[in-house]
Amino acid sequence: MGEARSRVLDALRQRVGPDSAETLKLLVSELMTNAVRHANGGGQVELHATWNSQVRIEVVDHGHGFTPAPRSGTREEPGGYGLFLVGTLADRWGVDTDEATTVWFELETA
C-alpha cells in the first residue's frame, strides 16, 4: 500500500496542491487496504491512475465482489470508515463489478 501511495504521489505531485495530495494519499490507502482485505485471496490487486483536469484512481481486485453499504458499527468500533471517507472527500466515486471489482474515485485538480 505504501508503494501504491508513493507512486501515485510521485506521478501527480506537480499537478495537485498540498491539500489534494494529502486527500489523494488517504484515499489511495483506503481503497488499497479494502481491496487487499476483501479480495479473499482472489489474486493480484491493481491500481490505475489517469489525470488531466481531474485525477481518477481505480483499484481493481479479483475477489468475490461486494455491494457498498453504510457503515453499521458504532462510532467507537474501529474500522469501516474507508468508503465513508471516499464518499466524503472525493468529487465522485463508484464501484463497478464484472469479472473483477473496481472501486474508483475522482478528484478535481483544476
N, C-alpha and C. Protein backbone atom coordinates (compact mmCIF):
# COMPACT_ATOMS: atom_id res chain seq x y z
N MET A 1 0.82 -1.18 0.00
CA MET A 1 0.00 0.00 0.00
C MET A 1 0.87 1.25 0.00
N GLY A 2 1.96 1.18 0.73
CA GLY A 2 2.87 2.31 0.75
C GLY A 2 3.46 2.58 -0.62
N GLU A 3 3.79 1.52 -1.34
CA GLU A 3 4.33 1.69 -2.68
C GLU A 3 3.30 2.32 -3.61
N ALA A 4 2.06 1.90 -3.51
CA ALA A 4 1.00 2.48 -4.35
C ALA A 4 0.86 3.96 -4.07
N ARG A 5 0.81 4.34 -2.79
CA ARG A 5 0.72 5.77 -2.43
C ARG A 5 1.89 6.54 -3.00
N SER A 6 3.09 6.02 -2.80
CA SER A 6 4.30 6.73 -3.25
C SER A 6 4.31 6.93 -4.76
N ARG A 7 3.96 5.89 -5.48
CA ARG A 7 3.99 6.01 -6.95
C ARG A 7 2.96 7.02 -7.45
N VAL A 8 1.77 6.98 -6.89
CA VAL A 8 0.73 7.94 -7.30
C VAL A 8 1.17 9.36 -6.97
N LEU A 9 1.66 9.58 -5.76
CA LEU A 9 2.07 10.92 -5.36
C LEU A 9 3.26 11.41 -6.16
N ASP A 10 4.23 10.53 -6.46
CA ASP A 10 5.37 10.93 -7.28
C ASP A 10 4.91 11.37 -8.66
N ALA A 11 3.96 10.64 -9.24
CA ALA A 11 3.47 10.97 -10.58
C ALA A 11 2.65 12.26 -10.61
N LEU A 12 1.96 12.57 -9.50
CA LEU A 12 0.99 13.67 -9.52
C LEU A 12 1.38 14.87 -8.67
N ARG A 13 2.51 14.83 -8.02
CA ARG A 13 2.89 15.90 -7.10
C ARG A 13 2.85 17.28 -7.74
N GLN A 14 3.24 17.40 -8.99
CA GLN A 14 3.25 18.70 -9.67
C GLN A 14 1.86 19.14 -10.12
N ARG A 15 0.89 18.23 -10.12
CA ARG A 15 -0.45 18.55 -10.62
C ARG A 15 -1.45 18.88 -9.54
N VAL A 16 -1.15 18.51 -8.30
CA VAL A 16 -2.09 18.74 -7.20
C VAL A 16 -1.43 19.54 -6.10
N GLY A 17 -2.22 20.33 -5.40
CA GLY A 17 -1.72 21.10 -4.27
C GLY A 17 -1.53 20.22 -3.06
N PRO A 18 -0.94 20.79 -1.99
CA PRO A 18 -0.67 20.01 -0.78
C PRO A 18 -1.92 19.39 -0.16
N ASP A 19 -3.03 20.12 -0.12
CA ASP A 19 -4.25 19.56 0.47
C ASP A 19 -4.78 18.39 -0.38
N SER A 20 -4.77 18.57 -1.69
CA SER A 20 -5.22 17.49 -2.57
C SER A 20 -4.29 16.30 -2.51
N ALA A 21 -2.99 16.55 -2.33
CA ALA A 21 -2.03 15.45 -2.21
C ALA A 21 -2.32 14.62 -0.97
N GLU A 22 -2.65 15.26 0.14
CA GLU A 22 -2.98 14.53 1.37
C GLU A 22 -4.27 13.74 1.20
N THR A 23 -5.26 14.33 0.54
CA THR A 23 -6.51 13.62 0.28
C THR A 23 -6.25 12.42 -0.63
N LEU A 24 -5.48 12.62 -1.66
CA LEU A 24 -5.14 11.56 -2.60
C LEU A 24 -4.43 10.42 -1.87
N LYS A 25 -3.48 10.76 -1.03
CA LYS A 25 -2.74 9.75 -0.27
C LYS A 25 -3.68 8.93 0.63
N LEU A 26 -4.57 9.60 1.32
CA LEU A 26 -5.52 8.92 2.20
C LEU A 26 -6.45 8.00 1.41
N LEU A 27 -7.01 8.51 0.32
CA LEU A 27 -7.98 7.73 -0.44
C LEU A 27 -7.35 6.53 -1.13
N VAL A 28 -6.14 6.69 -1.65
CA VAL A 28 -5.43 5.55 -2.23
C VAL A 28 -5.20 4.50 -1.16
N SER A 29 -4.77 4.93 0.03
CA SER A 29 -4.55 3.99 1.14
C SER A 29 -5.82 3.23 1.49
N GLU A 30 -6.94 3.95 1.57
CA GLU A 30 -8.21 3.31 1.93
C GLU A 30 -8.64 2.28 0.89
N LEU A 31 -8.56 2.64 -0.39
CA LEU A 31 -9.00 1.70 -1.43
C LEU A 31 -8.09 0.50 -1.52
N MET A 32 -6.77 0.72 -1.40
CA MET A 32 -5.84 -0.41 -1.45
C MET A 32 -6.05 -1.34 -0.25
N THR A 33 -6.23 -0.76 0.93
CA THR A 33 -6.47 -1.57 2.13
C THR A 33 -7.74 -2.41 1.97
N ASN A 34 -8.81 -1.77 1.50
CA ASN A 34 -10.07 -2.50 1.30
C ASN A 34 -9.90 -3.63 0.28
N ALA A 35 -9.20 -3.35 -0.81
CA ALA A 35 -9.03 -4.36 -1.85
C ALA A 35 -8.25 -5.56 -1.32
N VAL A 36 -7.18 -5.30 -0.59
CA VAL A 36 -6.37 -6.39 -0.04
C VAL A 36 -7.18 -7.16 0.99
N ARG A 37 -7.88 -6.45 1.84
CA ARG A 37 -8.66 -7.09 2.91
C ARG A 37 -9.83 -7.91 2.37
N HIS A 38 -10.50 -7.41 1.35
CA HIS A 38 -11.74 -8.05 0.90
C HIS A 38 -11.61 -8.87 -0.37
N ALA A 39 -10.41 -8.95 -0.93
CA ALA A 39 -10.23 -9.74 -2.15
C ALA A 39 -10.32 -11.23 -1.87
N ASN A 40 -10.26 -11.62 -0.61
CA ASN A 40 -10.41 -13.03 -0.21
C ASN A 40 -9.47 -13.95 -0.98
N GLY A 41 -8.21 -13.54 -1.09
CA GLY A 41 -7.26 -14.39 -1.79
C GLY A 41 -7.51 -14.46 -3.28
N GLY A 42 -8.26 -13.49 -3.80
CA GLY A 42 -8.65 -13.50 -5.20
C GLY A 42 -7.57 -13.06 -6.15
N GLY A 43 -6.33 -13.00 -5.72
CA GLY A 43 -5.25 -12.68 -6.64
C GLY A 43 -4.76 -11.25 -6.50
N GLN A 44 -4.18 -10.80 -7.55
CA GLN A 44 -3.50 -9.52 -7.60
C GLN A 44 -4.46 -8.34 -7.48
N VAL A 45 -3.99 -7.29 -6.81
CA VAL A 45 -4.72 -6.02 -6.73
C VAL A 45 -4.01 -5.05 -7.66
N GLU A 46 -4.78 -4.35 -8.48
CA GLU A 46 -4.23 -3.42 -9.46
C GLU A 46 -4.66 -2.01 -9.13
N LEU A 47 -3.79 -1.04 -9.40
CA LEU A 47 -4.12 0.37 -9.26
C LEU A 47 -3.88 1.04 -10.61
N HIS A 48 -4.88 1.77 -11.08
CA HIS A 48 -4.77 2.52 -12.33
C HIS A 48 -5.03 3.99 -12.01
N ALA A 49 -4.23 4.86 -12.60
CA ALA A 49 -4.39 6.30 -12.39
C ALA A 49 -4.37 7.00 -13.74
N THR A 50 -5.32 7.92 -13.92
CA THR A 50 -5.34 8.79 -15.09
C THR A 50 -5.57 10.21 -14.61
N TRP A 51 -5.12 11.17 -15.39
CA TRP A 51 -5.30 12.56 -14.97
C TRP A 51 -5.21 13.51 -16.14
N ASN A 52 -5.90 14.59 -16.04
CA ASN A 52 -5.83 15.83 -16.81
C ASN A 52 -6.45 16.89 -15.92
N SER A 53 -7.69 17.32 -16.12
CA SER A 53 -8.28 18.31 -15.21
C SER A 53 -8.80 17.65 -13.93
N GLN A 54 -8.73 16.35 -13.90
CA GLN A 54 -9.11 15.60 -12.70
C GLN A 54 -8.18 14.38 -12.58
N VAL A 55 -8.10 13.86 -11.39
CA VAL A 55 -7.37 12.63 -11.15
C VAL A 55 -8.41 11.53 -10.95
N ARG A 56 -8.22 10.42 -11.63
CA ARG A 56 -9.09 9.26 -11.45
C ARG A 56 -8.22 8.09 -11.02
N ILE A 57 -8.56 7.52 -9.88
CA ILE A 57 -7.86 6.36 -9.35
C ILE A 57 -8.84 5.20 -9.37
N GLU A 58 -8.39 4.07 -9.88
CA GLU A 58 -9.18 2.84 -9.88
C GLU A 58 -8.36 1.76 -9.20
N VAL A 59 -8.97 1.06 -8.26
CA VAL A 59 -8.33 -0.08 -7.61
C VAL A 59 -9.17 -1.30 -7.95
N VAL A 60 -8.52 -2.29 -8.53
CA VAL A 60 -9.19 -3.47 -9.04
C VAL A 60 -8.73 -4.70 -8.26
N ASP A 61 -9.69 -5.49 -7.79
CA ASP A 61 -9.34 -6.78 -7.20
C ASP A 61 -10.21 -7.85 -7.85
N HIS A 62 -9.73 -9.07 -7.79
CA HIS A 62 -10.41 -10.18 -8.45
C HIS A 62 -11.06 -11.11 -7.44
N GLY A 63 -11.48 -10.54 -6.32
CA GLY A 63 -12.16 -11.30 -5.28
C GLY A 63 -13.62 -11.53 -5.62
N HIS A 64 -14.42 -11.77 -4.61
CA HIS A 64 -15.82 -12.13 -4.79
C HIS A 64 -16.74 -10.93 -5.00
N GLY A 65 -16.24 -9.73 -4.88
CA GLY A 65 -17.07 -8.54 -5.07
C GLY A 65 -17.87 -8.21 -3.83
N PHE A 66 -18.52 -7.06 -3.87
CA PHE A 66 -19.33 -6.61 -2.75
C PHE A 66 -20.28 -5.53 -3.22
N THR A 67 -21.25 -5.26 -2.40
CA THR A 67 -22.15 -4.15 -2.62
C THR A 67 -21.90 -3.13 -1.52
N PRO A 68 -21.56 -1.89 -1.86
CA PRO A 68 -21.30 -0.90 -0.81
C PRO A 68 -22.52 -0.72 0.08
N ALA A 69 -22.27 -0.62 1.36
CA ALA A 69 -23.35 -0.42 2.33
C ALA A 69 -22.91 0.59 3.37
N PRO A 70 -23.84 1.32 3.96
CA PRO A 70 -23.46 2.26 5.01
C PRO A 70 -22.79 1.53 6.17
N ARG A 71 -21.90 2.22 6.83
CA ARG A 71 -21.21 1.66 7.99
C ARG A 71 -22.25 1.28 9.04
N SER A 72 -22.08 0.09 9.63
CA SER A 72 -23.10 -0.39 10.55
C SER A 72 -22.67 -0.36 12.02
N GLY A 73 -21.39 -0.17 12.30
CA GLY A 73 -20.93 -0.19 13.69
C GLY A 73 -21.12 1.14 14.39
N THR A 74 -20.90 1.12 15.69
CA THR A 74 -20.94 2.36 16.46
C THR A 74 -19.68 3.17 16.19
N ARG A 75 -19.70 4.43 16.54
CA ARG A 75 -18.53 5.28 16.31
C ARG A 75 -17.31 4.79 17.07
N GLU A 76 -17.52 4.10 18.18
CA GLU A 76 -16.41 3.63 18.99
C GLU A 76 -15.73 2.39 18.41
N GLU A 77 -16.43 1.67 17.54
CA GLU A 77 -15.86 0.47 16.95
C GLU A 77 -14.86 0.87 15.86
N PRO A 78 -13.71 0.20 15.83
CA PRO A 78 -12.71 0.55 14.81
C PRO A 78 -13.12 0.05 13.43
N GLY A 79 -12.59 0.69 12.41
CA GLY A 79 -12.77 0.24 11.05
C GLY A 79 -14.12 0.60 10.45
N GLY A 80 -14.20 0.36 9.14
CA GLY A 80 -15.46 0.58 8.45
C GLY A 80 -15.67 1.98 7.92
N TYR A 81 -14.65 2.83 8.00
CA TYR A 81 -14.81 4.21 7.55
C TYR A 81 -14.23 4.46 6.16
N GLY A 82 -13.63 3.47 5.53
CA GLY A 82 -12.95 3.67 4.26
C GLY A 82 -13.82 4.28 3.18
N LEU A 83 -14.93 3.64 2.86
CA LEU A 83 -15.79 4.17 1.80
C LEU A 83 -16.53 5.42 2.24
N PHE A 84 -16.76 5.57 3.54
CA PHE A 84 -17.32 6.83 4.05
C PHE A 84 -16.37 7.98 3.73
N LEU A 85 -15.07 7.77 3.98
CA LEU A 85 -14.07 8.80 3.67
C LEU A 85 -14.01 9.07 2.17
N VAL A 86 -14.03 8.02 1.38
CA VAL A 86 -14.01 8.20 -0.08
C VAL A 86 -15.21 9.02 -0.52
N GLY A 87 -16.39 8.67 -0.03
CA GLY A 87 -17.61 9.39 -0.39
C GLY A 87 -17.62 10.83 0.07
N THR A 88 -16.97 11.09 1.19
CA THR A 88 -16.92 12.45 1.73
C THR A 88 -15.89 13.31 1.03
N LEU A 89 -14.72 12.75 0.73
CA LEU A 89 -13.60 13.56 0.24
C LEU A 89 -13.46 13.60 -1.28
N ALA A 90 -13.93 12.59 -1.98
CA ALA A 90 -13.79 12.55 -3.44
C ALA A 90 -14.90 13.39 -4.08
N ASP A 91 -14.62 13.89 -5.27
CA ASP A 91 -15.64 14.61 -6.01
C ASP A 91 -16.68 13.66 -6.58
N ARG A 92 -16.24 12.47 -6.98
CA ARG A 92 -17.11 11.40 -7.45
C ARG A 92 -16.46 10.08 -7.10
N TRP A 93 -17.28 9.04 -6.92
CA TRP A 93 -16.73 7.71 -6.69
C TRP A 93 -17.77 6.68 -7.05
N GLY A 94 -17.33 5.44 -7.19
CA GLY A 94 -18.27 4.38 -7.51
C GLY A 94 -17.62 3.02 -7.45
N VAL A 95 -18.44 2.02 -7.68
CA VAL A 95 -18.00 0.63 -7.69
C VAL A 95 -18.53 -0.02 -8.95
N ASP A 96 -17.67 -0.67 -9.69
CA ASP A 96 -18.06 -1.42 -10.88
C ASP A 96 -17.72 -2.88 -10.63
N THR A 97 -18.65 -3.76 -10.93
CA THR A 97 -18.38 -5.18 -10.78
C THR A 97 -18.69 -5.89 -12.09
N ASP A 98 -17.79 -6.72 -12.50
CA ASP A 98 -17.98 -7.62 -13.63
C ASP A 98 -17.14 -8.85 -13.30
N GLU A 99 -16.08 -9.10 -14.02
CA GLU A 99 -15.20 -10.21 -13.67
C GLU A 99 -14.30 -9.85 -12.49
N ALA A 100 -14.26 -8.60 -12.14
CA ALA A 100 -13.47 -8.09 -11.03
C ALA A 100 -14.28 -6.99 -10.35
N THR A 101 -13.78 -6.51 -9.23
CA THR A 101 -14.40 -5.37 -8.55
C THR A 101 -13.47 -4.18 -8.70
N THR A 102 -13.99 -3.09 -9.23
CA THR A 102 -13.23 -1.86 -9.38
C THR A 102 -13.90 -0.79 -8.54
N VAL A 103 -13.15 -0.27 -7.57
CA VAL A 103 -13.62 0.87 -6.79
C VAL A 103 -12.79 2.06 -7.27
N TRP A 104 -13.46 3.15 -7.61
CA TRP A 104 -12.78 4.29 -8.19
C TRP A 104 -13.21 5.58 -7.53
N PHE A 105 -12.36 6.59 -7.65
CA PHE A 105 -12.73 7.93 -7.23
C PHE A 105 -12.08 8.94 -8.15
N GLU A 106 -12.65 10.15 -8.16
CA GLU A 106 -12.12 11.26 -8.94
C GLU A 106 -11.97 12.48 -8.05
N LEU A 107 -10.88 13.20 -8.25
CA LEU A 107 -10.62 14.48 -7.59
C LEU A 107 -10.34 15.52 -8.66
N GLU A 108 -10.98 16.66 -8.57
CA GLU A 108 -10.70 17.76 -9.49
C GLU A 108 -9.33 18.35 -9.15
N THR A 109 -8.54 18.66 -10.19
CA THR A 109 -7.22 19.26 -9.95
C THR A 109 -7.16 20.70 -10.42
N ALA A 110 -8.15 21.12 -11.20
CA ALA A 110 -8.11 22.49 -11.73
C ALA A 110 -9.26 23.30 -11.17
